[in-house]
Amino acid sequence: VSPQPLHLPAGIQGVVESYQSCLPKIQLYGPTNVAPIISKVARVAADEERTKEASQYFILLILTDGVVTDMADTREAIVRASYLPMSIIIVGVGNADFTDMQIL
């Protein structure tokens, strides 16, 4: 059974509404491994690129309350995705030391 597509409000307001809607329903915990989600979205973007239409561009917004624990894998995933029709935005939220994320 394939998952049903989400129908979210459009634009920045849609992002804010989605964030506010899901935040009370989740529990944040570690470790903070980012590479798997980057790789997953990259596969979708690569499939789109193979259609030769390139009619979709993907923006992956990652909000994290913890320091990225798979930095080497995350760097590799970003490099592999760098030629695809996608952007990756990683935002550290909270009081953790996000200094190492500047590398990304």
PDB file of N, CA and C in Angstrom:
ATOM      1  N   VAL A   1       0.851  -1.170   0.000  1.00  0.00           N
ATOM      2  CA  VAL A   1       0.000   0.000   0.000  1.00  0.00           C
ATOM      3  C   VAL A   1       0.893   1.227   0.000  1.00  0.00           C
ATOM      4  N   SER A   2       0.694   2.098  -0.959  1.00  0.00           N
ATOM      5  CA  SER A   2       1.505   3.307  -1.004  1.00  0.00           C
ATOM      6  C   SER A   2       0.856   4.392  -0.152  1.00  0.00           C
ATOM      7  N   PRO A   3       1.689   5.253   0.466  1.00  0.00           N
ATOM      8  CA  PRO A   3       1.132   6.310   1.305  1.00  0.00           C
ATOM      9  C   PRO A   3       0.358   7.317   0.473  1.00  0.00           C
ATOM     10  N   GLN A   4      -0.643   7.888   1.080  1.00  0.00           N
ATOM     11  CA  GLN A   4      -1.431   8.907   0.408  1.00  0.00           C
ATOM     12  C   GLN A   4      -0.662  10.219   0.401  1.00  0.00           C
ATOM     13  N   PRO A   5      -0.711  10.980  -0.699  1.00  0.00           N
ATOM     14  CA  PRO A   5      -0.008  12.266  -0.723  1.00  0.00           C
ATOM     15  C   PRO A   5      -0.647  13.242   0.258  1.00  0.00           C
ATOM     16  N   LEU A   6       0.204  14.060   0.840  1.00  0.00           N
ATOM     17  CA  LEU A   6      -0.298  15.084   1.751  1.00  0.00           C
ATOM     18  C   LEU A   6      -0.768  16.283   0.946  1.00  0.00           C
ATOM     19  N   HIS A   7      -1.879  16.840   1.330  1.00  0.00           N
ATOM     20  CA  HIS A   7      -2.380  18.052   0.691  1.00  0.00           C
ATOM     21  C   HIS A   7      -2.283  19.161   1.725  1.00  0.00           C
ATOM     22  N   LEU A   8      -1.206  19.935   1.617  1.00  0.00           N
ATOM     23  CA  LEU A   8      -0.919  20.974   2.596  1.00  0.00           C
ATOM     24  C   LEU A   8      -1.197  22.346   2.013  1.00  0.00           C
ATOM     25  N   PRO A   9      -1.461  23.328   2.878  1.00  0.00           N
ATOM     26  CA  PRO A   9      -1.614  24.690   2.396  1.00  0.00           C
ATOM     27  C   PRO A   9      -0.331  25.144   1.709  1.00  0.00           C
ATOM     28  N   ALA A  10      -0.458  25.994   0.721  1.00  0.00           N
ATOM     29  CA  ALA A  10       0.683  26.425  -0.070  1.00  0.00           C
ATOM     30  C   ALA A  10       1.430  27.584   0.581  1.00  0.00           C
ATOM     31  N   GLY A  11       2.665  27.764   0.156  1.00  0.00           N
ATOM     32  CA  GLY A  11       3.458  28.921   0.550  1.00  0.00           C
ATOM     33  C   GLY A  11       4.032  28.810   1.950  1.00  0.00           C
ATOM     34  N   ILE A  12       4.649  29.900   2.368  1.00  0.00           N
ATOM     35  CA  ILE A  12       5.271  29.956   3.686  1.00  0.00           C
ATOM     36  C   ILE A  12       4.229  29.751   4.778  1.00  0.00           C
ATOM     37  N   GLN A  13       3.061  30.301   4.603  1.00  0.00           N
ATOM     38  CA  GLN A  13       2.004  30.118   5.596  1.00  0.00           C
ATOM     39  C   GLN A  13       1.663  28.636   5.741  1.00  0.00           C
ATOM     40  N   GLY A  14       1.704  27.904   4.634  1.00  0.00           N
ATOM     41  CA  GLY A  14       1.456  26.468   4.696  1.00  0.00           C
ATOM     42  C   GLY A  14       2.532  25.737   5.481  1.00  0.00           C
ATOM     43  N   VAL A  15       3.783  26.172   5.327  1.00  0.00           N
ATOM     44  CA  VAL A  15       4.877  25.571   6.090  1.00  0.00           C
ATOM     45  C   VAL A  15       4.666  25.829   7.576  1.00  0.00           C
ATOM     46  N   VAL A  16       4.338  27.068   7.925  1.00  0.00           N
ATOM     47  CA  VAL A  16       4.127  27.430   9.326  1.00  0.00           C
ATOM     48  C   VAL A  16       2.952  26.656   9.913  1.00  0.00           C
ATOM     49  N   GLU A  17       1.856  26.577   9.182  1.00  0.00           N
ATOM     50  CA  GLU A  17       0.681  25.856   9.668  1.00  0.00           C
ATOM     51  C   GLU A  17       0.989  24.364   9.846  1.00  0.00           C
ATOM     52  N   SER A  18       1.714  23.786   8.917  1.00  0.00           N
ATOM     53  CA  SER A  18       2.070  22.374   9.018  1.00  0.00           C
ATOM     54  C   SER A  18       2.962  22.127  10.227  1.00  0.00           C
ATOM     55  N   TYR A  19       3.929  23.006  10.436  1.00  0.00           N
ATOM     56  CA  TYR A  19       4.840  22.892  11.579  1.00  0.00           C
ATOM     57  C   TYR A  19       4.061  22.982  12.886  1.00  0.00           C
ATOM     58  N   GLN A  20       3.191  23.978  12.986  1.00  0.00           N
ATOM     59  CA  GLN A  20       2.408  24.156  14.206  1.00  0.00           C
ATOM     60  C   GLN A  20       1.456  22.989  14.437  1.00  0.00           C
ATOM     61  N   SER A  21       0.965  22.409  13.383  1.00  0.00           N
ATOM     62  CA  SER A  21       0.034  21.293  13.497  1.00  0.00           C
ATOM     63  C   SER A  21       0.728  20.014  13.969  1.00  0.00           C
ATOM     64  N   CYS A  22       1.934  19.756  13.450  1.00  0.00           N
ATOM     65  CA  CYS A  22       2.578  18.475  13.772  1.00  0.00           C
ATOM     66  C   CYS A  22       3.425  18.533  15.039  1.00  0.00           C
ATOM     67  N   LEU A  23       3.914  19.687  15.431  1.00  0.00           N
ATOM     68  CA  LEU A  23       4.823  19.765  16.576  1.00  0.00           C
ATOM     69  C   LEU A  23       4.239  19.182  17.857  1.00  0.00           C
ATOM     70  N   PRO A  24       2.972  19.449  18.200  1.00  0.00           N
ATOM     71  CA  PRO A  24       2.433  18.860  19.426  1.00  0.00           C
ATOM     72  C   PRO A  24       2.270  17.338  19.363  1.00  0.00           C
ATOM     73  N   LYS A  25       2.332  16.757  18.174  1.00  0.00           N
ATOM     74  CA  LYS A  25       2.088  15.329  18.004  1.00  0.00           C
ATOM     75  C   LYS A  25       3.365  14.500  17.993  1.00  0.00           C
ATOM     76  N   ILE A  26       4.522  15.147  18.054  1.00  0.00           N
ATOM     77  CA  ILE A  26       5.777  14.405  17.955  1.00  0.00           C
ATOM     78  C   ILE A  26       6.626  14.603  19.205  1.00  0.00           C
ATOM     79  N   GLN A  27       7.560  13.691  19.389  1.00  0.00           N
ATOM     80  CA  GLN A  27       8.518  13.809  20.476  1.00  0.00           C
ATOM     81  C   GLN A  27       9.901  13.863  19.857  1.00  0.00           C
ATOM     82  N   LEU A  28      10.631  14.923  20.134  1.00  0.00           N
ATOM     83  CA  LEU A  28      11.962  15.083  19.584  1.00  0.00           C
ATOM     84  C   LEU A  28      12.954  14.299  20.424  1.00  0.00           C
ATOM     85  N   TYR A  29      13.861  13.582  19.762  1.00  0.00           N
ATOM     86  CA  TYR A  29      14.864  12.795  20.477  1.00  0.00           C
ATOM     87  C   TYR A  29      16.049  12.559  19.546  1.00  0.00           C
ATOM     88  N   GLY A  30      17.120  12.031  20.068  1.00  0.00           N
ATOM     89  CA  GLY A  30      18.326  11.790  19.296  1.00  0.00           C
ATOM     90  C   GLY A  30      18.536  10.317  19.055  1.00  0.00           C
ATOM     91  N   PRO A  31      19.510   9.944  18.300  1.00  0.00           N
ATOM     92  CA  PRO A  31      20.476  10.826  17.658  1.00  0.00           C
ATOM     93  C   PRO A  31      19.869  11.561  16.463  1.00  0.00           C
ATOM     94  N   THR A  32      20.538  12.614  16.045  1.00  0.00           N
ATOM     95  CA  THR A  32      20.064  13.429  14.934  1.00  0.00           C
ATOM     96  C   THR A  32      20.804  13.015  13.668  1.00  0.00           C
ATOM     97  N   ASN A  33      20.252  12.041  12.973  1.00  0.00           N
ATOM     98  CA  ASN A  33      20.826  11.552  11.716  1.00  0.00           C
ATOM     99  C   ASN A  33      20.064  12.169  10.554  1.00  0.00           C
ATOM    100  N   VAL A  34      20.744  12.988   9.793  1.00  0.00           N
ATOM    101  CA  VAL A  34      20.109  13.771   8.735  1.00  0.00           C
ATOM    102  C   VAL A  34      20.310  13.136   7.359  1.00  0.00           C
ATOM    103  N   ALA A  35      21.398  12.415   7.174  1.00  0.00           N
ATOM    104  CA  ALA A  35      21.725  11.848   5.860  1.00  0.00           C
ATOM    105  C   ALA A  35      20.592  11.004   5.263  1.00  0.00           C
ATOM    106  N   PRO A  36      19.883  10.169   6.046  1.00  0.00           N
ATOM    107  CA  PRO A  36      18.836   9.338   5.432  1.00  0.00           C
ATOM    108  C   PRO A  36      17.723  10.146   4.758  1.00  0.00           C
ATOM    109  N   ILE A  37      17.279  11.236   5.356  1.00  0.00           N
ATOM    110  CA  ILE A  37      16.200  12.019   4.737  1.00  0.00           C
ATOM    111  C   ILE A  37      16.720  12.779   3.521  1.00  0.00           C
ATOM    112  N   ILE A  38      17.965  13.242   3.582  1.00  0.00           N
ATOM    113  CA  ILE A  38      18.545  13.905   2.406  1.00  0.00           C
ATOM    114  C   ILE A  38      18.620  12.912   1.253  1.00  0.00           C
ATOM    115  N   SER A  39      19.076  11.711   1.524  1.00  0.00           N
ATOM    116  CA  SER A  39      19.186  10.688   0.481  1.00  0.00           C
ATOM    117  C   SER A  39      17.824  10.320  -0.092  1.00  0.00           C
ATOM    118  N   LYS A  40      16.811  10.240   0.764  1.00  0.00           N
ATOM    119  CA  LYS A  40      15.465   9.894   0.296  1.00  0.00           C
ATOM    120  C   LYS A  40      14.915  10.965  -0.647  1.00  0.00           C
ATOM    121  N   VAL A  41      15.031  12.232  -0.255  1.00  0.00           N
ATOM    122  CA  VAL A  41      14.535  13.314  -1.114  1.00  0.00           C
ATOM    123  C   VAL A  41      15.373  13.387  -2.393  1.00  0.00           C
ATOM    124  N   ALA A  42      16.667  13.125  -2.283  1.00  0.00           N
ATOM    125  CA  ALA A  42      17.529  13.121  -3.465  1.00  0.00           C
ATOM    126  C   ALA A  42      17.087  12.055  -4.466  1.00  0.00           C
ATOM    127  N   ARG A  43      16.671  10.895  -3.974  1.00  0.00           N
ATOM    128  CA  ARG A  43      16.181   9.848  -4.883  1.00  0.00           C
ATOM    129  C   ARG A  43      14.931  10.326  -5.632  1.00  0.00           C
ATOM    130  N   VAL A  44      14.046  11.004  -4.934  1.00  0.00           N
ATOM    131  CA  VAL A  44      12.833  11.523  -5.578  1.00  0.00           C
ATOM    132  C   VAL A  44      13.214  12.576  -6.620  1.00  0.00           C
ATOM    133  N   ALA A  45      14.146  13.459  -6.274  1.00  0.00           N
ATOM    134  CA  ALA A  45      14.594  14.492  -7.209  1.00  0.00           C
ATOM    135  C   ALA A  45      15.292  13.864  -8.414  1.00  0.00           C
ATOM    136  N   ALA A  46      16.079  12.806  -8.196  1.00  0.00           N
ATOM    137  CA  ALA A  46      16.763  12.118  -9.298  1.00  0.00           C
ATOM    138  C   ALA A  46      15.749  11.475 -10.234  1.00  0.00           C
ATOM    139  N   ASP A  47      14.698  10.888  -9.672  1.00  0.00           N
ATOM    140  CA  ASP A  47      13.644  10.307 -10.504  1.00  0.00           C
ATOM    141  C   ASP A  47      12.992  11.392 -11.357  1.00  0.00           C
ATOM    142  N   GLU A  48      12.773  12.551 -10.768  1.00  0.00           N
ATOM    143  CA  GLU A  48      12.180  13.677 -11.496  1.00  0.00           C
ATOM    144  C   GLU A  48      13.106  14.119 -12.622  1.00  0.00           C
ATOM    145  N   GLU A  49      14.395  14.175 -12.340  1.00  0.00           N
ATOM    146  CA  GLU A  49      15.356  14.612 -13.346  1.00  0.00           C
ATOM    147  C   GLU A  49      15.406  13.637 -14.520  1.00  0.00           C
ATOM    148  N   ARG A  50      15.253  12.345 -14.230  1.00  0.00           N
ATOM    149  CA  ARG A  50      15.294  11.330 -15.291  1.00  0.00           C
ATOM    150  C   ARG A  50      14.122  11.455 -16.260  1.00  0.00           C
ATOM    151  N   THR A  51      13.043  12.098 -15.861  1.00  0.00           N
ATOM    152  CA  THR A  51      11.897  12.252 -16.765  1.00  0.00           C
ATOM    153  C   THR A  51      12.198  13.236 -17.882  1.00  0.00           C
ATOM    154  N   LYS A  52      13.290  13.963 -17.743  1.00  0.00           N
ATOM    155  CA  LYS A  52      13.725  14.971 -18.723  1.00  0.00           C
ATOM    156  C   LYS A  52      12.816  16.187 -18.747  1.00  0.00           C
ATOM    157  N   GLU A  53      11.774  16.186 -17.931  1.00  0.00           N
ATOM    158  CA  GLU A  53      10.897  17.344 -17.864  1.00  0.00           C
ATOM    159  C   GLU A  53      11.400  18.342 -16.839  1.00  0.00           C
ATOM    160  N   ALA A  54      11.926  17.823 -15.742  1.00  0.00           N
ATOM    161  CA  ALA A  54      12.411  18.651 -14.634  1.00  0.00           C
ATOM    162  C   ALA A  54      11.397  19.735 -14.293  1.00  0.00           C
ATOM    163  N   SER A  55      10.143  19.326 -14.177  1.00  0.00           N
ATOM    164  CA  SER A  55       9.076  20.288 -13.909  1.00  0.00           C
ATOM    165  C   SER A  55       8.899  20.557 -12.418  1.00  0.00           C
ATOM    166  N   GLN A  56       9.622  19.807 -11.576  1.00  0.00           N
ATOM    167  CA  GLN A  56       9.503  20.011 -10.138  1.00  0.00           C
ATOM    168  C   GLN A  56      10.871  20.303  -9.545  1.00  0.00           C
ATOM    169  N   TYR A  57      10.875  21.197  -8.565  1.00  0.00           N
ATOM    170  CA  TYR A  57      12.081  21.520  -7.810  1.00  0.00           C
ATOM    171  C   TYR A  57      11.751  21.245  -6.352  1.00  0.00           C
ATOM    172  N   PHE A  58      12.652  20.622  -5.628  1.00  0.00           N
ATOM    173  CA  PHE A  58      12.393  20.191  -4.267  1.00  0.00           C
ATOM    174  C   PHE A  58      13.185  21.035  -3.279  1.00  0.00           C
ATOM    175  N   ILE A  59      12.533  21.424  -2.211  1.00  0.00           N
ATOM    176  CA  ILE A  59      13.185  22.138  -1.117  1.00  0.00           C
ATOM    177  C   ILE A  59      12.970  21.315   0.142  1.00  0.00           C
ATOM    178  N   LEU A  60      14.074  20.826   0.696  1.00  0.00           N
ATOM    179  CA  LEU A  60      14.031  20.033   1.919  1.00  0.00           C
ATOM    180  C   LEU A  60      14.384  20.946   3.077  1.00  0.00           C
ATOM    181  N   LEU A  61      13.445  21.150   3.965  1.00  0.00           N
ATOM    182  CA  LEU A  61      13.660  21.959   5.163  1.00  0.00           C
ATOM    183  C   LEU A  61      13.756  21.016   6.349  1.00  0.00           C
ATOM    184  N   ILE A  62      14.916  21.017   7.004  1.00  0.00           N
ATOM    185  CA  ILE A  62      15.142  20.159   8.159  1.00  0.00           C
ATOM    186  C   ILE A  62      15.263  21.052   9.384  1.00  0.00           C
ATOM    187  N   LEU A  63      14.383  20.859  10.343  1.00  0.00           N
ATOM    188  CA  LEU A  63      14.447  21.569  11.617  1.00  0.00           C
ATOM    189  C   LEU A  63      14.949  20.581  12.653  1.00  0.00           C
ATOM    190  N   THR A  64      16.020  20.926  13.349  1.00  0.00           N
ATOM    191  CA  THR A  64      16.569  20.012  14.340  1.00  0.00           C
ATOM    192  C   THR A  64      16.821  20.726  15.657  1.00  0.00           C
ATOM    193  N   ASP A  65      16.551  20.021  16.745  1.00  0.00           N
ATOM    194  CA  ASP A  65      16.836  20.577  18.063  1.00  0.00           C
ATOM    195  C   ASP A  65      18.125  19.996  18.631  1.00  0.00           C
ATOM    196  N   GLY A  66      18.813  19.202  17.834  1.00  0.00           N
ATOM    197  CA  GLY A  66      20.049  18.585  18.290  1.00  0.00           C
ATOM    198  C   GLY A  66      21.141  18.717  17.245  1.00  0.00           C
ATOM    199  N   VAL A  67      22.354  18.539  17.687  1.00  0.00           N
ATOM    200  CA  VAL A  67      23.502  18.590  16.797  1.00  0.00           C
ATOM    201  C   VAL A  67      23.451  17.381  15.873  1.00  0.00           C
ATOM    202  N   VAL A  68      23.769  17.586  14.599  1.00  0.00           N
ATOM    203  CA  VAL A  68      23.785  16.498  13.629  1.00  0.00           C
ATOM    204  C   VAL A  68      24.848  15.489  14.039  1.00  0.00           C
ATOM    205  N   THR A  69      24.448  14.226  14.204  1.00  0.00           N
ATOM    206  CA  THR A  69      25.369  13.200  14.696  1.00  0.00           C
ATOM    207  C   THR A  69      26.007  12.379  13.581  1.00  0.00           C
ATOM    208  N   ASP A  70      25.528  12.541  12.362  1.00  0.00           N
ATOM    209  CA  ASP A  70      26.114  11.804  11.234  1.00  0.00           C
ATOM    210  C   ASP A  70      26.704  12.779  10.210  1.00  0.00           C
ATOM    211  N   MET A  71      27.602  13.646  10.694  1.00  0.00           N
ATOM    212  CA  MET A  71      28.142  14.722   9.860  1.00  0.00           C
ATOM    213  C   MET A  71      28.810  14.197   8.588  1.00  0.00           C
ATOM    214  N   ALA A  72      29.643  13.174   8.681  1.00  0.00           N
ATOM    215  CA  ALA A  72      30.345  12.675   7.492  1.00  0.00           C
ATOM    216  C   ALA A  72      29.334  12.163   6.456  1.00  0.00           C
ATOM    217  N   ASP A  73      28.363  11.373   6.900  1.00  0.00           N
ATOM    218  CA  ASP A  73      27.338  10.859   5.985  1.00  0.00           C
ATOM    219  C   ASP A  73      26.479  11.991   5.428  1.00  0.00           C
ATOM    220  N   THR A  74      26.191  12.990   6.265  1.00  0.00           N
ATOM    221  CA  THR A  74      25.384  14.128   5.817  1.00  0.00           C
ATOM    222  C   THR A  74      26.122  14.921   4.751  1.00  0.00           C
ATOM    223  N   ARG A  75      27.404  15.180   4.974  1.00  0.00           N
ATOM    224  CA  ARG A  75      28.205  15.888   3.948  1.00  0.00           C
ATOM    225  C   ARG A  75      28.196  15.121   2.640  1.00  0.00           C
ATOM    226  N   GLU A  76      28.401  13.813   2.704  1.00  0.00           N
ATOM    227  CA  GLU A  76      28.395  12.998   1.487  1.00  0.00           C
ATOM    228  C   GLU A  76      27.040  13.048   0.786  1.00  0.00           C
ATOM    229  N   ALA A  77      25.961  12.979   1.559  1.00  0.00           N
ATOM    230  CA  ALA A  77      24.616  13.026   0.973  1.00  0.00           C
ATOM    231  C   ALA A  77      24.371  14.373   0.294  1.00  0.00           C
ATOM    232  N   ILE A  78      24.837  15.450   0.905  1.00  0.00           N
ATOM    233  CA  ILE A  78      24.671  16.783   0.309  1.00  0.00           C
ATOM    234  C   ILE A  78      25.462  16.885  -0.992  1.00  0.00           C
ATOM    235  N   VAL A  79      26.687  16.395  -0.993  1.00  0.00           N
ATOM    236  CA  VAL A  79      27.512  16.436  -2.214  1.00  0.00           C
ATOM    237  C   VAL A  79      26.850  15.622  -3.327  1.00  0.00           C
ATOM    238  N   ARG A  80      26.362  14.426  -2.996  1.00  0.00           N
ATOM    239  CA  ARG A  80      25.699  13.589  -4.010  1.00  0.00           C
ATOM    240  C   ARG A  80      24.446  14.275  -4.562  1.00  0.00           C
ATOM    241  N   ALA A  81      23.751  15.035  -3.724  1.00  0.00           N
ATOM    242  CA  ALA A  81      22.503  15.693  -4.139  1.00  0.00           C
ATOM    243  C   ALA A  81      22.742  17.037  -4.819  1.00  0.00           C
ATOM    244  N   SER A  82      23.967  17.507  -4.822  1.00  0.00           N
ATOM    245  CA  SER A  82      24.240  18.884  -5.263  1.00  0.00           C
ATOM    246  C   SER A  82      23.927  19.135  -6.730  1.00  0.00           C
ATOM    247  N   TYR A  83      23.871  18.126  -7.553  1.00  0.00           N
ATOM    248  CA  TYR A  83      23.572  18.322  -8.972  1.00  0.00           C
ATOM    249  C   TYR A  83      22.079  18.163  -9.279  1.00  0.00           C
ATOM    250  N   LEU A  84      21.295  17.822  -8.286  1.00  0.00           N
ATOM    251  CA  LEU A  84      19.872  17.549  -8.487  1.00  0.00           C
ATOM    252  C   LEU A  84      19.031  18.816  -8.342  1.00  0.00           C
ATOM    253  N   PRO A  85      17.799  18.783  -8.852  1.00  0.00           N
ATOM    254  CA  PRO A  85      16.911  19.943  -8.726  1.00  0.00           C
ATOM    255  C   PRO A  85      16.322  20.029  -7.311  1.00  0.00           C
ATOM    256  N   MET A  86      17.203  20.365  -6.358  1.00  0.00           N
ATOM    257  CA  MET A  86      16.751  20.449  -4.969  1.00  0.00           C
ATOM    258  C   MET A  86      17.654  21.374  -4.179  1.00  0.00           C
ATOM    259  N   SER A  87      17.100  21.948  -3.138  1.00  0.00           N
ATOM    260  CA  SER A  87      17.840  22.730  -2.156  1.00  0.00           C
ATOM    261  C   SER A  87      17.619  22.098  -0.795  1.00  0.00           C
ATOM    262  N   ILE A  88      18.622  22.234   0.065  1.00  0.00           N
ATOM    263  CA  ILE A  88      18.542  21.687   1.415  1.00  0.00           C
ATOM    264  C   ILE A  88      18.778  22.819   2.394  1.00  0.00           C
ATOM    265  N   ILE A  89      17.848  23.000   3.311  1.00  0.00           N
ATOM    266  CA  ILE A  89      17.960  24.021   4.348  1.00  0.00           C
ATOM    267  C   ILE A  89      17.908  23.300   5.687  1.00  0.00           C
ATOM    268  N   ILE A  90      18.945  23.473   6.498  1.00  0.00           N
ATOM    269  CA  ILE A  90      18.980  22.846   7.812  1.00  0.00           C
ATOM    270  C   ILE A  90      19.015  23.957   8.848  1.00  0.00           C
ATOM    271  N   VAL A  91      18.046  23.936   9.763  1.00  0.00           N
ATOM    272  CA  VAL A  91      17.924  24.972  10.779  1.00  0.00           C
ATOM    273  C   VAL A  91      18.012  24.333  12.155  1.00  0.00           C
ATOM    274  N   GLY A  92      18.936  24.833  12.966  1.00  0.00           N
ATOM    275  CA  GLY A  92      19.040  24.395  14.348  1.00  0.00           C
ATOM    276  C   GLY A  92      18.124  25.220  15.226  1.00  0.00           C
ATOM    277  N   VAL A  93      17.292  24.542  16.010  1.00  0.00           N
ATOM    278  CA  VAL A  93      16.325  25.206  16.872  1.00  0.00           C
ATOM    279  C   VAL A  93      16.656  24.866  18.323  1.00  0.00           C
ATOM    280  N   GLY A  94      16.792  25.864  19.156  1.00  0.00           N
ATOM    281  CA  GLY A  94      17.050  25.600  20.569  1.00  0.00           C
ATOM    282  C   GLY A  94      18.437  26.035  20.982  1.00  0.00           C
ATOM    283  N   ASN A  95      18.894  25.461  22.098  1.00  0.00           N
ATOM    284  CA  ASN A  95      20.128  25.914  22.729  1.00  0.00           C
ATOM    285  C   ASN A  95      21.347  25.036  22.454  1.00  0.00           C
ATOM    286  N   ALA A  96      21.238  24.054  21.595  1.00  0.00           N
ATOM    287  CA  ALA A  96      22.379  23.182  21.309  1.00  0.00           C
ATOM    288  C   ALA A  96      23.475  23.972  20.604  1.00  0.00           C
ATOM    289  N   ASP A  97      24.686  23.466  20.623  1.00  0.00           N
ATOM    290  CA  ASP A  97      25.820  24.101  19.954  1.00  0.00           C
ATOM    291  C   ASP A  97      25.833  23.648  18.494  1.00  0.00           C
ATOM    292  N   PHE A  98      25.342  24.495  17.611  1.00  0.00           N
ATOM    293  CA  PHE A  98      25.218  24.162  16.194  1.00  0.00           C
ATOM    294  C   PHE A  98      26.408  24.636  15.372  1.00  0.00           C
ATOM    295  N   THR A  99      27.508  24.965  16.011  1.00  0.00           N
ATOM    296  CA  THR A  99      28.689  25.499  15.335  1.00  0.00           C
ATOM    297  C   THR A  99      29.138  24.590  14.183  1.00  0.00           C
ATOM    298  N   ASP A 100      29.190  23.284  14.405  1.00  0.00           N
ATOM    299  CA  ASP A 100      29.661  22.352  13.379  1.00  0.00           C
ATOM    300  C   ASP A 100      28.780  22.350  12.149  1.00  0.00           C
ATOM    301  N   MET A 101      27.530  22.764  12.274  1.00  0.00           N
ATOM    302  CA  MET A 101      26.623  22.760  11.120  1.00  0.00           C
ATOM    303  C   MET A 101      27.004  23.805  10.079  1.00  0.00           C
ATOM    304  N   GLN A 102      27.847  24.771  10.442  1.00  0.00           N
ATOM    305  CA  GLN A 102      28.291  25.767   9.455  1.00  0.00           C
ATOM    306  C   GLN A 102      29.023  25.107   8.305  1.00  0.00           C
ATOM    307  N   ILE A 103      29.641  23.953   8.564  1.00  0.00           N
ATOM    308  CA  ILE A 103      30.329  23.201   7.514  1.00  0.00           C
ATOM    309  C   ILE A 103      29.351  22.799   6.426  1.00  0.00           C
ATOM    310  N   LEU A 104      28.135  22.452   6.831  1.00  0.00           N
ATOM    311  CA  LEU A 104      27.148  21.979   5.876  1.00  0.00           C
ATOM    312  C   LEU A 104      26.699  23.110   4.961  1.00  0.00           C
TER     313      LEU A 104
END
